[in-house]
C-alpha atoms as a PDB file:
ATOM      1  CA  MET A   1      39.886 141.423  26.780  1.00  0.00           C
ATOM      2  CA  ASN A   2      35.894 141.270  27.249  1.00  0.00           C
ATOM      3  CA  ALA A   3      33.924 140.763  24.240  1.00  0.00           C
ATOM      4  CA  ILE A   4      31.399 143.385  23.458  1.00  0.00           C
ATOM      5  CA  THR A   5      27.937 142.332  23.211  1.00  0.00           C
ATOM      6  CA  VAL A   6      24.859 144.495  22.512  1.00  0.00           C
ATOM      7  CA  ARG A   7      23.932 144.023  26.158  1.00  0.00           C
ATOM      8  CA  SER A   8      27.142 144.803  27.502  1.00  0.00           C
ATOM      9  CA  ILE A   9      26.875 148.507  25.817  1.00  0.00           C
ATOM     10  CA  THR A  10      26.545 150.669  28.843  1.00  0.00           C
ATOM     11  CA  THR A  11      25.786 153.920  27.353  1.00  0.00           C
ATOM     12  CA  SER A  12      22.296 154.722  28.001  1.00  0.00           C
ATOM     13  CA  ALA A  13      19.906 154.487  25.030  1.00  0.00           C
ATOM     14  CA  HIS A  14      16.732 153.206  24.038  1.00  0.00           C
ATOM     15  CA  PRO A  15      17.357 149.048  23.362  1.00  0.00           C
ATOM     16  CA  GLU A  16      16.024 149.375  19.893  1.00  0.00           C
ATOM     17  CA  MET A  17      19.080 151.867  19.256  1.00  0.00           C
ATOM     18  CA  LYS A  18      21.593 149.665  20.644  1.00  0.00           C
ATOM     19  CA  LYS A  19      20.407 147.112  18.465  1.00  0.00           C
ATOM     20  CA  ILE A  20      20.615 149.148  15.540  1.00  0.00           C
ATOM     21  CA  PHE A  21      23.976 150.448  16.350  1.00  0.00           C
ATOM     22  CA  TRP A  22      25.172 146.985  17.096  1.00  0.00           C
ATOM     23  CA  SER A  23      23.712 145.533  13.582  1.00  0.00           C
ATOM     24  CA  LEU A  24      25.318 148.617  11.657  1.00  0.00           C
ATOM     25  CA  PHE A  25      28.465 148.923  13.384  1.00  0.00           C
ATOM     26  CA  VAL A  26      29.673 145.600  14.479  1.00  0.00           C
ATOM     27  CA  SER A  27      27.759 142.338  13.485  1.00  0.00           C
ATOM     28  CA  THR A  28      27.354 142.806   9.731  1.00  0.00           C
ATOM     29  CA  ARG A  29      30.233 142.792   7.122  1.00  0.00           C
ATOM     30  CA  GLY A  30      29.980 146.365   6.068  1.00  0.00           C
ATOM     31  CA  ALA A  31      30.369 147.243   9.432  1.00  0.00           C
ATOM     32  CA  ALA A  32      33.869 148.332   9.311  1.00  0.00           C
ATOM     33  CA  ASN A  33      33.237 150.566   6.120  1.00  0.00           C
ATOM     34  CA  ARG A  34      30.118 152.156   7.860  1.00  0.00           C
ATOM     35  CA  VAL A  35      32.215 152.967  11.098  1.00  0.00           C
ATOM     36  CA  LYS A  36      34.775 154.782   8.566  1.00  0.00           C
ATOM     37  CA  ILE A  37      32.041 156.746   6.914  1.00  0.00           C
ATOM     38  CA  MET A  38      30.556 158.032   9.904  1.00  0.00           C
ATOM     39  CA  SER A  39      33.970 159.088  11.546  1.00  0.00           C
ATOM     40  CA  LEU A  40      34.389 160.841   8.517  1.00  0.00           C
ATOM     41  CA  LEU A  41      31.141 162.600   8.401  1.00  0.00           C
ATOM     42  CA  ARG A  42      31.032 163.355  12.039  1.00  0.00           C
ATOM     43  CA  ASN A  43      34.176 165.805  11.208  1.00  0.00           C
ATOM     44  CA  ARG A  44      33.321 166.847   7.926  1.00  0.00           C
ATOM     45  CA  PRO A  45      29.681 166.742   5.588  1.00  0.00           C
ATOM     46  CA  SER A  46      30.800 164.969   2.326  1.00  0.00           C
ATOM     47  CA  ASN A  47      29.449 163.614  -1.033  1.00  0.00           C
ATOM     48  CA  PRO A  48      29.828 160.082  -1.372  1.00  0.00           C
ATOM     49  CA  ASN A  49      32.864 160.813  -4.115  1.00  0.00           C
ATOM     50  CA  GLN A  50      34.861 162.219  -1.461  1.00  0.00           C
ATOM     51  CA  LEU A  51      34.138 159.462   0.823  1.00  0.00           C
ATOM     52  CA  SER A  52      34.773 156.511  -1.364  1.00  0.00           C
ATOM     53  CA  LYS A  53      38.416 158.221  -2.097  1.00  0.00           C
ATOM     54  CA  ASN A  54      38.779 158.875   1.768  1.00  0.00           C
ATOM     55  CA  ILE A  55      37.967 155.223   2.578  1.00  0.00           C
ATOM     56  CA  GLU A  56      39.120 153.594  -0.409  1.00  0.00           C
ATOM     57  CA  ILE A  57      36.259 151.764  -1.021  1.00  0.00           C
ATOM     58  CA  ASP A  58      34.336 151.233  -4.578  1.00  0.00           C
ATOM     59  CA  TYR A  59      31.658 154.355  -5.419  1.00  0.00           C
ATOM     60  CA  LYS A  60      29.012 151.944  -5.536  1.00  0.00           C
ATOM     61  CA  CYS A  61      29.875 150.302  -2.238  1.00  0.00           C
ATOM     62  CA  THR A  62      29.976 153.853  -0.548  1.00  0.00           C
ATOM     63  CA  SER A  63      26.396 154.483  -1.864  1.00  0.00           C
ATOM     64  CA  HIS A  64      25.140 151.262  -0.371  1.00  0.00           C
ATOM     65  CA  HIS A  65      26.562 152.023   2.954  1.00  0.00           C
ATOM     66  CA  LEU A  66      24.890 155.591   3.075  1.00  0.00           C
ATOM     67  CA  LYS A  67      21.650 154.112   1.866  1.00  0.00           C
ATOM     68  CA  ALA A  68      21.774 152.002   4.878  1.00  0.00           C
ATOM     69  CA  LEU A  69      22.724 154.638   7.249  1.00  0.00           C
ATOM     70  CA  GLU A  70      19.927 156.705   5.723  1.00  0.00           C
ATOM     71  CA  GLU A  71      17.474 154.178   5.843  1.00  0.00           C
ATOM     72  CA  ASN A  72      18.143 154.076   9.744  1.00  0.00           C
ATOM     73  CA  HIS A  73      18.242 157.564  10.364  1.00  0.00           C
ATOM     74  CA  LEU A  74      21.766 158.169  11.066  1.00  0.00           C
ATOM     75  CA  VAL A  75      22.754 160.566   8.067  1.00  0.00           C
ATOM     76  CA  GLU A  76      20.919 163.019   6.250  1.00  0.00           C
ATOM     77  CA  LYS A  77      21.706 164.255   2.795  1.00  0.00           C
ATOM     78  CA  LEU A  78      21.387 167.947   1.266  1.00  0.00           C
ATOM     79  CA  GLN A  79      21.246 167.921  -2.598  1.00  0.00           C
ATOM     80  CA  GLY A  80      21.726 170.714  -4.565  1.00  0.00           C
ATOM     81  CA  GLY A  81      23.447 171.689  -7.862  1.00  0.00           C
ATOM     82  CA  GLY A  82      24.131 168.294  -8.852  1.00  0.00           C
ATOM     83  CA  ILE A  83      25.904 167.329  -5.659  1.00  0.00           C
ATOM     84  CA  THR A  84      24.420 165.102  -2.767  1.00  0.00           C
ATOM     85  CA  THR A  85      26.301 165.947   0.880  1.00  0.00           C
ATOM     86  CA  PHE A  86      25.657 163.672   3.603  1.00  0.00           C
ATOM     87  CA  PHE A  87      25.757 164.905   7.162  1.00  0.00           C
ATOM     88  CA  VAL A  88      25.428 162.699  10.321  1.00  0.00           C
ATOM     89  CA  SER A  89      21.852 163.220  11.694  1.00  0.00           C
ATOM     90  CA  PRO A  90      20.527 164.565  14.977  1.00  0.00           C
ATOM     91  CA  LEU A  91      19.233 161.231  15.922  1.00  0.00           C
ATOM     92  CA  PHE A  92      22.959 160.074  15.498  1.00  0.00           C
ATOM     93  CA  GLU A  93      24.399 163.266  17.401  1.00  0.00           C
ATOM     94  CA  GLU A  94      22.142 161.982  20.188  1.00  0.00           C
ATOM     95  CA  ASN A  95      23.753 158.698  20.417  1.00  0.00           C
ATOM     96  CA  GLN A  96      27.283 159.287  19.230  1.00  0.00           C
ATOM     97  CA  LYS A  97      28.483 158.407  22.926  1.00  0.00           C
ATOM     98  CA  MET A  98      27.106 154.879  21.982  1.00  0.00           C
ATOM     99  CA  PHE A  99      28.998 155.032  18.703  1.00  0.00           C
ATOM    100  CA  ASP A 100      32.119 155.886  20.368  1.00  0.00           C
ATOM    101  CA  GLU A 101      31.694 153.010  22.989  1.00  0.00           C
ATOM    102  CA  ILE A 102      31.334 150.257  20.260  1.00  0.00           C
ATOM    103  CA  ILE A 103      34.166 151.401  17.839  1.00  0.00           C
ATOM    104  CA  ASN A 104      36.456 151.660  21.099  1.00  0.00           C
ATOM    105  CA  VAL A 105      35.810 148.117  22.325  1.00  0.00           C
ATOM    106  CA  ALA A 106      35.042 146.538  19.162  1.00  0.00           C
END
């Protein structure tokens, strides 16, 4: 099995975007949870409570990961009626091939 590194990512993307994806989805402690969150959001927009139940982690932990993803412009939120719903962002959609490459090898 070949080890994946940020340089071994073959998907064409800006080098800085590769670093962001690498940091968020591979090299940090919460990477596995962020991968689960993004995988769920790709299929269905959700609120933090739904996400925390689906991936079986604490609500506060889910909120922390969503904040990191939002700060890196990979998710967007829509607030209304006391509910905050998260969606994948256009930036993530443009780079989802890289996400797939990372999660399929890592």
